[in-house]
């Protein structure tokens, strides 16, 4: 099991940017497909983006394409989510997740992931 720790959340004005980071605690995640999800109050947790273990392949929810970018630095054992042109509707708790068994193209459901972080709050003000 991998323990994941997210950071980088905060309060930002609409149109602004944030970069979230996720790192495992005490273990490398080099072989894992990594994903980002988010959950707004009163809503289900939804897929944001995923990246293959090598970083060569990515997958995005349609509403995030062009604004969000997922990347990873295996040397630093960290995965990132760069969020630009933020909107108030992007306000949510953002979660990092890891899976050893799912390829990036199909890892879009919460059930596809085995390990989760505690989440980091992102609040976008209008």
C-alpha atoms as a PDB file:
ATOM      1  CA  UNK A   1       0.000   0.000   0.000  1.00  0.00           C
ATOM      2  CA  UNK A   2       1.191   3.491  -0.868  1.00  0.00           C
ATOM      3  CA  UNK A   3       0.492   6.466   1.362  1.00  0.00           C
ATOM      4  CA  UNK A   4       0.055   9.595  -0.689  1.00  0.00           C
ATOM      5  CA  UNK A   5       0.404  13.183   0.462  1.00  0.00           C
ATOM      6  CA  UNK A   6      -1.031  16.067  -1.536  1.00  0.00           C
ATOM      7  CA  UNK A   7       0.010  19.700  -1.240  1.00  0.00           C
ATOM      8  CA  UNK A   8      -0.387  22.984  -3.062  1.00  0.00           C
ATOM      9  CA  UNK A   9      -4.053  23.704  -2.545  1.00  0.00           C
ATOM     10  CA  UNK A  10      -5.339  27.074  -1.454  1.00  0.00           C
ATOM     11  CA  UNK A  11      -7.490  30.058  -2.271  1.00  0.00           C
ATOM     12  CA  UNK A  12      -7.154  31.661  -5.693  1.00  0.00           C
ATOM     13  CA  UNK A  13      -9.170  34.132  -7.717  1.00  0.00           C
ATOM     14  CA  UNK A  14     -10.986  33.083 -10.856  1.00  0.00           C
ATOM     15  CA  UNK A  15      -8.596  33.018 -13.777  1.00  0.00           C
ATOM     16  CA  UNK A  16      -5.656  32.203 -11.563  1.00  0.00           C
ATOM     17  CA  UNK A  17      -3.454  29.124 -11.376  1.00  0.00           C
ATOM     18  CA  UNK A  18      -2.369  26.549  -8.842  1.00  0.00           C
ATOM     19  CA  UNK A  19      -0.024  23.594  -8.986  1.00  0.00           C
ATOM     20  CA  UNK A  20      -0.816  20.596  -6.841  1.00  0.00           C
ATOM     21  CA  UNK A  21       1.798  18.055  -5.873  1.00  0.00           C
ATOM     22  CA  UNK A  22       1.506  14.486  -4.699  1.00  0.00           C
ATOM     23  CA  UNK A  23       4.242  12.364  -3.228  1.00  0.00           C
ATOM     24  CA  UNK A  24       4.186   8.923  -1.649  1.00  0.00           C
ATOM     25  CA  UNK A  25       5.303   8.514   1.902  1.00  0.00           C
ATOM     26  CA  UNK A  26       8.089   6.032   2.345  1.00  0.00           C
ATOM     27  CA  UNK A  27       7.832   4.297  -1.011  1.00  0.00           C
ATOM     28  CA  UNK A  28       8.510   4.949  -4.657  1.00  0.00           C
ATOM     29  CA  UNK A  29       5.563   5.057  -7.020  1.00  0.00           C
ATOM     30  CA  UNK A  30       7.637   4.612 -10.164  1.00  0.00           C
ATOM     31  CA  UNK A  31       5.536   1.713 -11.475  1.00  0.00           C
ATOM     32  CA  UNK A  32       2.136   3.182 -10.668  1.00  0.00           C
ATOM     33  CA  UNK A  33      -0.438   4.832 -12.844  1.00  0.00           C
ATOM     34  CA  UNK A  34      -1.287   8.030 -10.983  1.00  0.00           C
ATOM     35  CA  UNK A  35      -4.516   9.954 -11.051  1.00  0.00           C
ATOM     36  CA  UNK A  36      -6.143  13.100  -9.750  1.00  0.00           C
ATOM     37  CA  UNK A  37      -9.769  13.283  -8.689  1.00  0.00           C
ATOM     38  CA  UNK A  38     -11.832  16.003  -7.101  1.00  0.00           C
ATOM     39  CA  UNK A  39     -14.916  16.186  -4.942  1.00  0.00           C
ATOM     40  CA  UNK A  40     -17.055  19.254  -4.497  1.00  0.00           C
ATOM     41  CA  UNK A  41     -19.483  19.574  -1.567  1.00  0.00           C
ATOM     42  CA  UNK A  42     -22.543  17.433  -2.121  1.00  0.00           C
ATOM     43  CA  UNK A  43     -21.136  15.819  -5.255  1.00  0.00           C
ATOM     44  CA  UNK A  44     -19.504  12.542  -6.113  1.00  0.00           C
ATOM     45  CA  UNK A  45     -15.782  12.268  -6.540  1.00  0.00           C
ATOM     46  CA  UNK A  46     -14.940  12.801 -10.186  1.00  0.00           C
ATOM     47  CA  UNK A  47     -11.989  11.969 -12.402  1.00  0.00           C
ATOM     48  CA  UNK A  48      -9.695  14.819 -13.370  1.00  0.00           C
ATOM     49  CA  UNK A  49      -6.607  13.321 -15.015  1.00  0.00           C
ATOM     50  CA  UNK A  50      -4.278  10.331 -15.045  1.00  0.00           C
ATOM     51  CA  UNK A  51      -0.720   9.656 -16.131  1.00  0.00           C
ATOM     52  CA  UNK A  52       1.128   6.460 -16.967  1.00  0.00           C
ATOM     53  CA  UNK A  53       4.056   5.223 -14.912  1.00  0.00           C
ATOM     54  CA  UNK A  54       6.505   6.515 -17.518  1.00  0.00           C
ATOM     55  CA  UNK A  55       4.765   9.851 -17.989  1.00  0.00           C
ATOM     56  CA  UNK A  56       4.392   9.196 -21.716  1.00  0.00           C
ATOM     57  CA  UNK A  57       0.615   8.830 -21.673  1.00  0.00           C
ATOM     58  CA  UNK A  58      -2.020  11.025 -20.091  1.00  0.00           C
ATOM     59  CA  UNK A  59      -5.793  11.075 -19.939  1.00  0.00           C
ATOM     60  CA  UNK A  60      -8.098  13.932 -18.992  1.00  0.00           C
ATOM     61  CA  UNK A  61     -11.732  14.472 -18.229  1.00  0.00           C
ATOM     62  CA  UNK A  62     -13.215  16.453 -21.091  1.00  0.00           C
ATOM     63  CA  UNK A  63     -13.976  19.484 -18.942  1.00  0.00           C
ATOM     64  CA  UNK A  64     -10.331  19.726 -17.825  1.00  0.00           C
ATOM     65  CA  UNK A  65      -8.664  19.456 -21.210  1.00  0.00           C
ATOM     66  CA  UNK A  66      -6.715  22.545 -22.131  1.00  0.00           C
ATOM     67  CA  UNK A  67      -6.769  23.986 -18.610  1.00  0.00           C
ATOM     68  CA  UNK A  68      -5.220  21.245 -16.475  1.00  0.00           C
ATOM     69  CA  UNK A  69      -1.954  19.427 -17.053  1.00  0.00           C
ATOM     70  CA  UNK A  70      -0.816  16.305 -15.228  1.00  0.00           C
ATOM     71  CA  UNK A  71       2.867  15.449 -15.102  1.00  0.00           C
ATOM     72  CA  UNK A  72       5.285  13.444 -13.026  1.00  0.00           C
ATOM     73  CA  UNK A  73       8.923  13.465 -12.059  1.00  0.00           C
ATOM     74  CA  UNK A  74       9.905   9.955 -11.089  1.00  0.00           C
ATOM     75  CA  UNK A  75      13.337  11.127  -9.988  1.00  0.00           C
ATOM     76  CA  UNK A  76      11.605  13.333  -7.417  1.00  0.00           C
ATOM     77  CA  UNK A  77       8.896  10.771  -6.778  1.00  0.00           C
ATOM     78  CA  UNK A  78       6.236  13.410  -7.351  1.00  0.00           C
ATOM     79  CA  UNK A  79       3.199  13.855  -9.566  1.00  0.00           C
ATOM     80  CA  UNK A  80       1.796  17.292 -10.352  1.00  0.00           C
ATOM     81  CA  UNK A  81      -1.461  18.845 -11.467  1.00  0.00           C
ATOM     82  CA  UNK A  82      -1.047  22.269 -13.028  1.00  0.00           C
ATOM     83  CA  UNK A  83      -4.382  24.082 -13.050  1.00  0.00           C
ATOM     84  CA  UNK A  84      -4.803  27.225 -15.121  1.00  0.00           C
ATOM     85  CA  UNK A  85      -7.739  29.514 -15.863  1.00  0.00           C
ATOM     86  CA  UNK A  86      -9.429  28.352 -12.701  1.00  0.00           C
ATOM     87  CA  UNK A  87     -13.159  28.817 -12.317  1.00  0.00           C
ATOM     88  CA  UNK A  88     -15.335  28.914  -9.198  1.00  0.00           C
ATOM     89  CA  UNK A  89     -16.768  25.542 -10.239  1.00  0.00           C
ATOM     90  CA  UNK A  90     -13.287  24.053  -9.854  1.00  0.00           C
ATOM     91  CA  UNK A  91     -13.641  24.509  -6.113  1.00  0.00           C
ATOM     92  CA  UNK A  92     -13.262  21.078  -4.527  1.00  0.00           C
ATOM     93  CA  UNK A  93     -11.041  18.822  -2.511  1.00  0.00           C
ATOM     94  CA  UNK A  94      -8.469  17.353  -4.883  1.00  0.00           C
ATOM     95  CA  UNK A  95      -7.218  13.834  -4.319  1.00  0.00           C
ATOM     96  CA  UNK A  96      -4.213  11.983  -5.614  1.00  0.00           C
ATOM     97  CA  UNK A  97      -4.557   8.258  -6.282  1.00  0.00           C
ATOM     98  CA  UNK A  98      -2.374   5.352  -7.388  1.00  0.00           C
ATOM     99  CA  UNK A  99      -2.909   2.024  -9.100  1.00  0.00           C
ATOM    100  CA  UNK A 100      -0.542  -0.742 -10.130  1.00  0.00           C
ATOM    101  CA  UNK A 101      -3.082  -2.671 -12.174  1.00  0.00           C
ATOM    102  CA  UNK A 102      -4.858  -0.182 -14.413  1.00  0.00           C
ATOM    103  CA  UNK A 103      -3.464   1.393 -17.578  1.00  0.00           C
ATOM    104  CA  UNK A 104      -3.880   5.118 -17.870  1.00  0.00           C
ATOM    105  CA  UNK A 105      -6.476   4.972 -20.645  1.00  0.00           C
ATOM    106  CA  UNK A 106      -8.945   3.064 -18.480  1.00  0.00           C
ATOM    107  CA  UNK A 107      -8.081   4.391 -15.016  1.00  0.00           C
ATOM    108  CA  UNK A 108     -10.909   6.920 -14.769  1.00  0.00           C
ATOM    109  CA  UNK A 109     -13.060   5.560 -11.958  1.00  0.00           C
ATOM    110  CA  UNK A 110     -12.482   5.702  -8.228  1.00  0.00           C
ATOM    111  CA  UNK A 111     -12.790   1.915  -8.228  1.00  0.00           C
ATOM    112  CA  UNK A 112      -9.728   1.663 -10.470  1.00  0.00           C
ATOM    113  CA  UNK A 113      -7.401   3.016  -7.787  1.00  0.00           C
ATOM    114  CA  UNK A 114      -6.078   1.294  -4.707  1.00  0.00           C
ATOM    115  CA  UNK A 115      -4.368   4.058  -2.768  1.00  0.00           C
ATOM    116  CA  UNK A 116      -5.513   7.578  -1.971  1.00  0.00           C
ATOM    117  CA  UNK A 117      -4.257  10.701  -0.335  1.00  0.00           C
ATOM    118  CA  UNK A 118      -6.153  12.764   2.206  1.00  0.00           C
ATOM    119  CA  UNK A 119      -6.875  15.530  -0.269  1.00  0.00           C
ATOM    120  CA  UNK A 120      -6.056  19.196  -0.563  1.00  0.00           C
ATOM    121  CA  UNK A 121      -8.656  21.978  -0.689  1.00  0.00           C
ATOM    122  CA  UNK A 122      -8.807  24.236  -3.721  1.00  0.00           C
ATOM    123  CA  UNK A 123     -11.097  27.239  -3.485  1.00  0.00           C
ATOM    124  CA  UNK A 124     -11.640  29.550  -6.440  1.00  0.00           C
ATOM    125  CA  UNK A 125     -13.298  32.855  -5.681  1.00  0.00           C
ATOM    126  CA  UNK A 126     -15.300  34.812  -8.244  1.00  0.00           C
END
